[in-house]
Amino acid sequence: MGLTGLFLISFLVVHAGVNACIWANDGGVLFNKVAHFMGSMIIIRILEVGLFAGIFIHIIQGYVLEFTNRSKRNIGYKINLGNRGSKWYSRSMGLLGTILLLFFIIHWKQFWIPSRFTGVNEVLIDGKEVHNMFNLMQVTFTEPWVVTVYVLACFSLAWHLMHGFQSAFRTIGVHNKRFLVLIQSAGIAFSIIIPLAFAMMPVSMYLGWVK
């Protein structure tokens, strides 16, 4: 669970970096170039298979862990400590993960499937025709409900990471108090910055801040 979590955390950094290219405000030229590179390079395509495997393994592990924990606690505690015992988001990882799974299905349908199978309009850049993923983002994020779903998913991602980031390091054996303080601080920062960056992408598109 910890290893697949850290793998997916590294993917989030790359994905956020690629998508941040939309803020170049060059009509999507830089973003389309980078998206084409990521979609056409054989090494990246191989890693993509590993990414999907990591996602599905993480999902399966998460549900197995959730059901196992619940099956061992048929009788609840007499005193509910609430956040004094553990944070609500650490007790709600199954729910937050399920929300993210539903979001992934929508996201894959809107972007990954068209780019790989059903086709995307192409644009000429440097004499080469590439998928106009920037235009696909512009069209997709004209719908208020889509923007709302993406922003809510980013909130779920933030809370999921708030527990999952530091928990992943604990799982692989990082118990030194000095390092734990550093990891917890880095985890809080990561849990805010990355989801906020992702949330601002559809918002920026919808409000016309990027063109």
C-alpha atoms as a PDB file:
ATOM      1  CA  MET A   1       0.000   0.000   0.000  1.00  0.00           C
ATOM      2  CA  GLY A   2       2.811   2.384   0.906  1.00  0.00           C
ATOM      3  CA  LEU A   3       4.900   1.617  -2.181  1.00  0.00           C
ATOM      4  CA  THR A   4       2.019   1.996  -4.645  1.00  0.00           C
ATOM      5  CA  GLY A   5       1.026   5.186  -2.822  1.00  0.00           C
ATOM      6  CA  LEU A   6       4.507   6.687  -3.218  1.00  0.00           C
ATOM      7  CA  PHE A   7       4.546   5.649  -6.877  1.00  0.00           C
ATOM      8  CA  LEU A   8       1.248   7.462  -7.470  1.00  0.00           C
ATOM      9  CA  ILE A   9       2.515  10.500  -5.553  1.00  0.00           C
ATOM     10  CA  SER A  10       5.468  10.719  -7.962  1.00  0.00           C
ATOM     11  CA  PHE A  11       3.011  10.490 -10.879  1.00  0.00           C
ATOM     12  CA  LEU A  12       1.012  13.411  -9.482  1.00  0.00           C
ATOM     13  CA  VAL A  13       4.153  15.575  -9.555  1.00  0.00           C
ATOM     14  CA  VAL A  14       4.806  14.731 -13.219  1.00  0.00           C
ATOM     15  CA  HIS A  15       1.152  15.135 -14.207  1.00  0.00           C
ATOM     16  CA  ALA A  16       0.876  18.504 -12.461  1.00  0.00           C
ATOM     17  CA  GLY A  17       4.100  19.654 -14.133  1.00  0.00           C
ATOM     18  CA  VAL A  18       2.841  18.716 -17.598  1.00  0.00           C
ATOM     19  CA  ASN A  19      -0.576  20.290 -17.095  1.00  0.00           C
ATOM     20  CA  ALA A  20       0.975  23.467 -15.681  1.00  0.00           C
ATOM     21  CA  CYS A  21       2.180  24.190 -19.215  1.00  0.00           C
ATOM     22  CA  ILE A  22      -1.307  25.528 -19.973  1.00  0.00           C
ATOM     23  CA  TRP A  23      -0.322  28.670 -18.038  1.00  0.00           C
ATOM     24  CA  ALA A  24       2.290  29.517 -20.662  1.00  0.00           C
ATOM     25  CA  ASN A  25      -0.590  31.406 -22.340  1.00  0.00           C
ATOM     26  CA  ASP A  26       0.742  30.614 -25.820  1.00  0.00           C
ATOM     27  CA  GLY A  27      -2.444  29.134 -27.248  1.00  0.00           C
ATOM     28  CA  GLY A  28      -1.573  25.694 -25.933  1.00  0.00           C
ATOM     29  CA  VAL A  29       1.600  25.268 -28.021  1.00  0.00           C
ATOM     30  CA  LEU A  30       3.880  24.275 -25.132  1.00  0.00           C
ATOM     31  CA  PHE A  31       1.240  22.078 -23.504  1.00  0.00           C
ATOM     32  CA  ASN A  32       0.469  20.253 -26.772  1.00  0.00           C
ATOM     33  CA  LYS A  33       4.188  19.738 -27.414  1.00  0.00           C
ATOM     34  CA  VAL A  34       4.755  18.207 -23.984  1.00  0.00           C
ATOM     35  CA  ALA A  35       1.537  16.144 -24.178  1.00  0.00           C
ATOM     36  CA  HIS A  36       2.623  14.807 -27.588  1.00  0.00           C
ATOM     37  CA  PHE A  37       6.054  13.903 -26.218  1.00  0.00           C
ATOM     38  CA  MET A  38       4.508  12.102 -23.257  1.00  0.00           C
ATOM     39  CA  GLY A  39       2.064  10.248 -25.501  1.00  0.00           C
ATOM     40  CA  SER A  40       4.495   9.223 -28.230  1.00  0.00           C
ATOM     41  CA  MET A  41       7.693   8.292 -26.387  1.00  0.00           C
ATOM     42  CA  ILE A  42       7.911   4.501 -26.069  1.00  0.00           C
ATOM     43  CA  ILE A  43       9.436   4.607 -22.575  1.00  0.00           C
ATOM     44  CA  ILE A  44       6.599   6.805 -21.314  1.00  0.00           C
ATOM     45  CA  ARG A  45       4.027   4.467 -22.879  1.00  0.00           C
ATOM     46  CA  ILE A  46       5.599   1.500 -21.093  1.00  0.00           C
ATOM     47  CA  LEU A  47       5.554   3.439 -17.820  1.00  0.00           C
ATOM     48  CA  GLU A  48       1.904   4.190 -18.508  1.00  0.00           C
ATOM     49  CA  VAL A  49       1.149   0.479 -18.246  1.00  0.00           C
ATOM     50  CA  GLY A  50       2.933   0.433 -14.901  1.00  0.00           C
ATOM     51  CA  LEU A  51       0.941   3.473 -13.831  1.00  0.00           C
ATOM     52  CA  PHE A  52      -2.383   1.786 -14.512  1.00  0.00           C
ATOM     53  CA  ALA A  53      -1.172  -1.344 -12.732  1.00  0.00           C
ATOM     54  CA  GLY A  54      -0.142   0.806  -9.754  1.00  0.00           C
ATOM     55  CA  ILE A  55      -3.526   2.552  -9.668  1.00  0.00           C
ATOM     56  CA  PHE A  56      -5.524  -0.668  -9.779  1.00  0.00           C
ATOM     57  CA  ILE A  57      -3.284  -2.421  -7.230  1.00  0.00           C
ATOM     58  CA  HIS A  58      -3.599   0.587  -4.899  1.00  0.00           C
ATOM     59  CA  ILE A  59      -7.393   0.560  -5.269  1.00  0.00           C
ATOM     60  CA  ILE A  60      -7.658  -3.174  -4.618  1.00  0.00           C
ATOM     61  CA  GLN A  61      -5.267  -2.979  -1.655  1.00  0.00           C
ATOM     62  CA  GLY A  62      -7.244  -0.065  -0.254  1.00  0.00           C
ATOM     63  CA  TYR A  63     -10.570  -1.869  -0.358  1.00  0.00           C
ATOM     64  CA  VAL A  64      -9.057  -5.079   1.056  1.00  0.00           C
ATOM     65  CA  LEU A  65      -7.514  -3.098   3.904  1.00  0.00           C
ATOM     66  CA  GLU A  66     -10.777  -1.241   4.551  1.00  0.00           C
ATOM     67  CA  PHE A  67     -12.891  -4.409   4.633  1.00  0.00           C
ATOM     68  CA  THR A  68     -10.309  -6.247   6.756  1.00  0.00           C
ATOM     69  CA  ASN A  69     -10.244  -3.455   9.327  1.00  0.00           C
ATOM     70  CA  ARG A  70     -14.031  -3.265   9.455  1.00  0.00           C
ATOM     71  CA  SER A  71     -14.396  -7.037   9.827  1.00  0.00           C
ATOM     72  CA  LYS A  72     -12.119  -6.978  12.891  1.00  0.00           C
ATOM     73  CA  ARG A  73     -14.132  -4.226  14.568  1.00  0.00           C
ATOM     74  CA  ASN A  74     -17.658  -5.599  14.690  1.00  0.00           C
ATOM     75  CA  ILE A  75     -18.203  -3.851  18.014  1.00  0.00           C
ATOM     76  CA  GLY A  76     -17.341  -0.169  18.185  1.00  0.00           C
ATOM     77  CA  TYR A  77     -15.490   1.575  20.992  1.00  0.00           C
ATOM     78  CA  LYS A  78     -17.559   2.568  24.042  1.00  0.00           C
ATOM     79  CA  ILE A  79     -16.082   6.076  23.908  1.00  0.00           C
ATOM     80  CA  ASN A  80     -15.751   7.742  20.532  1.00  0.00           C
ATOM     81  CA  LEU A  81     -12.621   9.885  20.767  1.00  0.00           C
ATOM     82  CA  GLY A  82     -13.248  11.497  17.383  1.00  0.00           C
ATOM     83  CA  ASN A  83     -10.332  13.653  16.228  1.00  0.00           C
ATOM     84  CA  ARG A  84      -8.607  13.167  19.562  1.00  0.00           C
ATOM     85  CA  GLY A  85      -7.950   9.549  18.605  1.00  0.00           C
ATOM     86  CA  SER A  86      -7.361  10.009  14.886  1.00  0.00           C
ATOM     87  CA  LYS A  87      -8.131  12.609  12.253  1.00  0.00           C
ATOM     88  CA  TRP A  88     -11.409  12.201  10.384  1.00  0.00           C
ATOM     89  CA  TYR A  89      -9.636  11.935   7.031  1.00  0.00           C
ATOM     90  CA  SER A  90      -7.482   9.051   8.250  1.00  0.00           C
ATOM     91  CA  ARG A  91     -10.710   7.234   9.206  1.00  0.00           C
ATOM     92  CA  SER A  92     -12.302   8.114   5.849  1.00  0.00           C
ATOM     93  CA  MET A  93      -9.635   6.924   3.412  1.00  0.00           C
ATOM     94  CA  GLY A  94     -12.031   4.379   1.892  1.00  0.00           C
ATOM     95  CA  LEU A  95     -14.648   7.047   1.185  1.00  0.00           C
ATOM     96  CA  LEU A  96     -12.106   9.545  -0.146  1.00  0.00           C
ATOM     97  CA  GLY A  97     -10.553   6.852  -2.311  1.00  0.00           C
ATOM     98  CA  THR A  98     -13.942   5.884  -3.714  1.00  0.00           C
ATOM     99  CA  ILE A  99     -14.645   9.511  -4.655  1.00  0.00           C
ATOM    100  CA  LEU A 100     -11.276   9.639  -6.425  1.00  0.00           C
ATOM    101  CA  LEU A 101     -12.025   6.377  -8.240  1.00  0.00           C
ATOM    102  CA  LEU A 102     -15.291   7.804  -9.588  1.00  0.00           C
ATOM    103  CA  PHE A 103     -13.403  10.925 -10.637  1.00  0.00           C
ATOM    104  CA  PHE A 104     -10.737   8.857 -12.398  1.00  0.00           C
ATOM    105  CA  ILE A 105     -13.418   7.131 -14.463  1.00  0.00           C
ATOM    106  CA  ILE A 106     -14.775  10.516 -15.576  1.00  0.00           C
ATOM    107  CA  HIS A 107     -11.267  11.847 -16.231  1.00  0.00           C
ATOM    108  CA  TRP A 108     -10.238   8.822 -18.280  1.00  0.00           C
ATOM    109  CA  LYS A 109     -13.413   9.054 -20.348  1.00  0.00           C
ATOM    110  CA  GLN A 110     -12.913  12.750 -21.041  1.00  0.00           C
ATOM    111  CA  PHE A 111      -9.186  12.790 -21.786  1.00  0.00           C
ATOM    112  CA  TRP A 112      -7.306   9.488 -21.807  1.00  0.00           C
ATOM    113  CA  ILE A 113      -9.711   7.467 -23.980  1.00  0.00           C
ATOM    114  CA  PRO A 114     -10.040  10.201 -26.653  1.00  0.00           C
ATOM    115  CA  SER A 115      -6.264  10.688 -26.770  1.00  0.00           C
ATOM    116  CA  ARG A 116      -5.598   6.971 -27.129  1.00  0.00           C
ATOM    117  CA  PHE A 117      -8.608   5.507 -28.917  1.00  0.00           C
ATOM    118  CA  THR A 118     -11.510   7.671 -30.126  1.00  0.00           C
ATOM    119  CA  GLY A 119      -9.383  10.500 -31.451  1.00  0.00           C
ATOM    120  CA  VAL A 120      -8.723  14.175 -30.780  1.00  0.00           C
ATOM    121  CA  ASN A 121      -8.641  17.106 -33.211  1.00  0.00           C
ATOM    122  CA  GLU A 122      -5.120  17.748 -34.408  1.00  0.00           C
ATOM    123  CA  VAL A 123      -3.120  20.952 -34.708  1.00  0.00           C
ATOM    124  CA  LEU A 124       0.058  21.716 -36.669  1.00  0.00           C
ATOM    125  CA  ILE A 125       3.053  22.551 -34.451  1.00  0.00           C
ATOM    126  CA  ASP A 126       6.580  22.827 -35.863  1.00  0.00           C
ATOM    127  CA  GLY A 127       5.409  21.145 -39.044  1.00  0.00           C
ATOM    128  CA  LYS A 128       4.028  18.143 -37.165  1.00  0.00           C
ATOM    129  CA  GLU A 129       0.395  17.251 -36.521  1.00  0.00           C
ATOM    130  CA  VAL A 130      -0.248  16.577 -32.840  1.00  0.00           C
ATOM    131  CA  HIS A 131      -3.354  16.036 -30.729  1.00  0.00           C
ATOM    132  CA  ASN A 132      -4.837  19.354 -29.675  1.00  0.00           C
ATOM    133  CA  MET A 133      -5.249  18.396 -26.031  1.00  0.00           C
ATOM    134  CA  PHE A 134      -5.302  22.057 -25.059  1.00  0.00           C
ATOM    135  CA  ASN A 135      -8.441  22.599 -27.119  1.00  0.00           C
ATOM    136  CA  LEU A 136      -9.981  19.452 -25.612  1.00  0.00           C
ATOM    137  CA  MET A 137      -9.393  20.939 -22.153  1.00  0.00           C
ATOM    138  CA  GLN A 138     -10.946  24.245 -23.239  1.00  0.00           C
ATOM    139  CA  VAL A 139     -14.067  22.516 -24.552  1.00  0.00           C
ATOM    140  CA  THR A 140     -14.375  20.132 -21.592  1.00  0.00           C
ATOM    141  CA  PHE A 141     -14.101  22.884 -19.015  1.00  0.00           C
ATOM    142  CA  THR A 142     -16.814  25.059 -20.496  1.00  0.00           C
ATOM    143  CA  GLU A 143     -19.308  22.964 -18.510  1.00  0.00           C
ATOM    144  CA  PRO A 144     -19.817  24.273 -14.943  1.00  0.00           C
ATOM    145  CA  TRP A 145     -20.693  20.808 -13.596  1.00  0.00           C
ATOM    146  CA  VAL A 146     -17.423  19.389 -14.932  1.00  0.00           C
ATOM    147  CA  VAL A 147     -15.404  22.145 -13.272  1.00  0.00           C
ATOM    148  CA  THR A 148     -17.312  21.564 -10.021  1.00  0.00           C
ATOM    149  CA  VAL A 149     -16.638  17.814 -10.113  1.00  0.00           C
ATOM    150  CA  TYR A 150     -12.924  18.381 -10.723  1.00  0.00           C
ATOM    151  CA  VAL A 151     -12.622  20.894  -7.883  1.00  0.00           C
ATOM    152  CA  LEU A 152     -14.470  18.580  -5.459  1.00  0.00           C
ATOM    153  CA  ALA A 153     -12.216  15.708  -6.530  1.00  0.00           C
ATOM    154  CA  CYS A 154      -9.203  17.882  -5.745  1.00  0.00           C
ATOM    155  CA  PHE A 155     -10.565  18.479  -2.235  1.00  0.00           C
ATOM    156  CA  SER A 156     -10.861  14.697  -1.819  1.00  0.00           C
ATOM    157  CA  LEU A 157      -7.328  14.271  -3.148  1.00  0.00           C
ATOM    158  CA  ALA A 158      -6.006  16.832  -0.659  1.00  0.00           C
ATOM    159  CA  TRP A 159      -7.514  15.026   2.341  1.00  0.00           C
ATOM    160  CA  HIS A 160      -6.484  11.625   0.947  1.00  0.00           C
ATOM    161  CA  LEU A 161      -2.889  12.833   0.633  1.00  0.00           C
ATOM    162  CA  MET A 162      -2.956  14.502   4.052  1.00  0.00           C
ATOM    163  CA  HIS A 163      -3.013  11.046   5.616  1.00  0.00           C
ATOM    164  CA  GLY A 164      -1.589   8.929   2.798  1.00  0.00           C
ATOM    165  CA  PHE A 165       1.662  10.875   2.278  1.00  0.00           C
ATOM    166  CA  GLN A 166       3.065  10.428   5.777  1.00  0.00           C
ATOM    167  CA  SER A 167       1.427   7.020   6.185  1.00  0.00           C
ATOM    168  CA  ALA A 168       3.251   5.691   3.109  1.00  0.00           C
ATOM    169  CA  PHE A 169       6.635   6.557   4.639  1.00  0.00           C
ATOM    170  CA  ARG A 170       5.642   5.010   7.965  1.00  0.00           C
ATOM    171  CA  THR A 171       4.626   1.836   6.126  1.00  0.00           C
ATOM    172  CA  ILE A 172       8.059   1.441   4.524  1.00  0.00           C
ATOM    173  CA  GLY A 173       9.773   1.845   7.904  1.00  0.00           C
ATOM    174  CA  VAL A 174      10.492   5.549   8.451  1.00  0.00           C
ATOM    175  CA  HIS A 175      10.023   5.882  12.228  1.00  0.00           C
ATOM    176  CA  ASN A 176      12.785   8.302  13.220  1.00  0.00           C
ATOM    177  CA  LYS A 177      11.125  11.235  15.010  1.00  0.00           C
ATOM    178  CA  ARG A 178      13.254  13.864  13.260  1.00  0.00           C
ATOM    179  CA  PHE A 179      12.419  12.510   9.831  1.00  0.00           C
ATOM    180  CA  LEU A 180       8.745  12.068  10.734  1.00  0.00           C
ATOM    181  CA  VAL A 181       8.419  15.781  11.545  1.00  0.00           C
ATOM    182  CA  LEU A 182      10.017  16.613   8.187  1.00  0.00           C
ATOM    183  CA  ILE A 183       7.801  14.145   6.319  1.00  0.00           C
ATOM    184  CA  GLN A 184       4.649  15.400   8.033  1.00  0.00           C
ATOM    185  CA  SER A 185       5.509  18.995   7.120  1.00  0.00           C
ATOM    186  CA  ALA A 186       6.325  18.026   3.531  1.00  0.00           C
ATOM    187  CA  GLY A 187       3.113  15.988   3.397  1.00  0.00           C
ATOM    188  CA  ILE A 188       0.968  18.933   4.468  1.00  0.00           C
ATOM    189  CA  ALA A 189       2.629  21.197   1.890  1.00  0.00           C
ATOM    190  CA  PHE A 190       2.277  18.568  -0.850  1.00  0.00           C
ATOM    191  CA  SER A 191      -1.361  17.913   0.077  1.00  0.00           C
ATOM    192  CA  ILE A 192      -2.147  21.593  -0.381  1.00  0.00           C
ATOM    193  CA  ILE A 193       0.015  22.605  -3.361  1.00  0.00           C
ATOM    194  CA  ILE A 194      -0.625  19.700  -5.759  1.00  0.00           C
ATOM    195  CA  PRO A 195      -4.449  19.504  -5.363  1.00  0.00           C
ATOM    196  CA  LEU A 196      -4.647  23.310  -5.506  1.00  0.00           C
ATOM    197  CA  ALA A 197      -2.666  23.329  -8.759  1.00  0.00           C
ATOM    198  CA  PHE A 198      -4.961  20.678 -10.245  1.00  0.00           C
ATOM    199  CA  ALA A 199      -8.079  22.547  -9.087  1.00  0.00           C
ATOM    200  CA  MET A 200      -6.891  25.822 -10.612  1.00  0.00           C
ATOM    201  CA  MET A 201      -6.525  24.238 -14.059  1.00  0.00           C
ATOM    202  CA  PRO A 202     -10.250  23.736 -14.821  1.00  0.00           C
ATOM    203  CA  VAL A 203     -11.075  26.980 -12.992  1.00  0.00           C
ATOM    204  CA  SER A 204      -8.534  28.894 -15.097  1.00  0.00           C
ATOM    205  CA  MET A 205      -9.946  27.376 -18.275  1.00  0.00           C
ATOM    206  CA  TYR A 206     -13.533  28.115 -17.319  1.00  0.00           C
ATOM    207  CA  LEU A 207     -12.839  31.725 -16.343  1.00  0.00           C
ATOM    208  CA  GLY A 208     -10.711  32.343 -19.443  1.00  0.00           C
ATOM    209  CA  TRP A 209      -7.505  33.042 -17.553  1.00  0.00           C
ATOM    210  CA  VAL A 210      -5.544  30.911 -20.045  1.00  0.00           C
ATOM    211  CA  LYS A 211      -5.833  31.231 -23.814  1.00  0.00           C
END
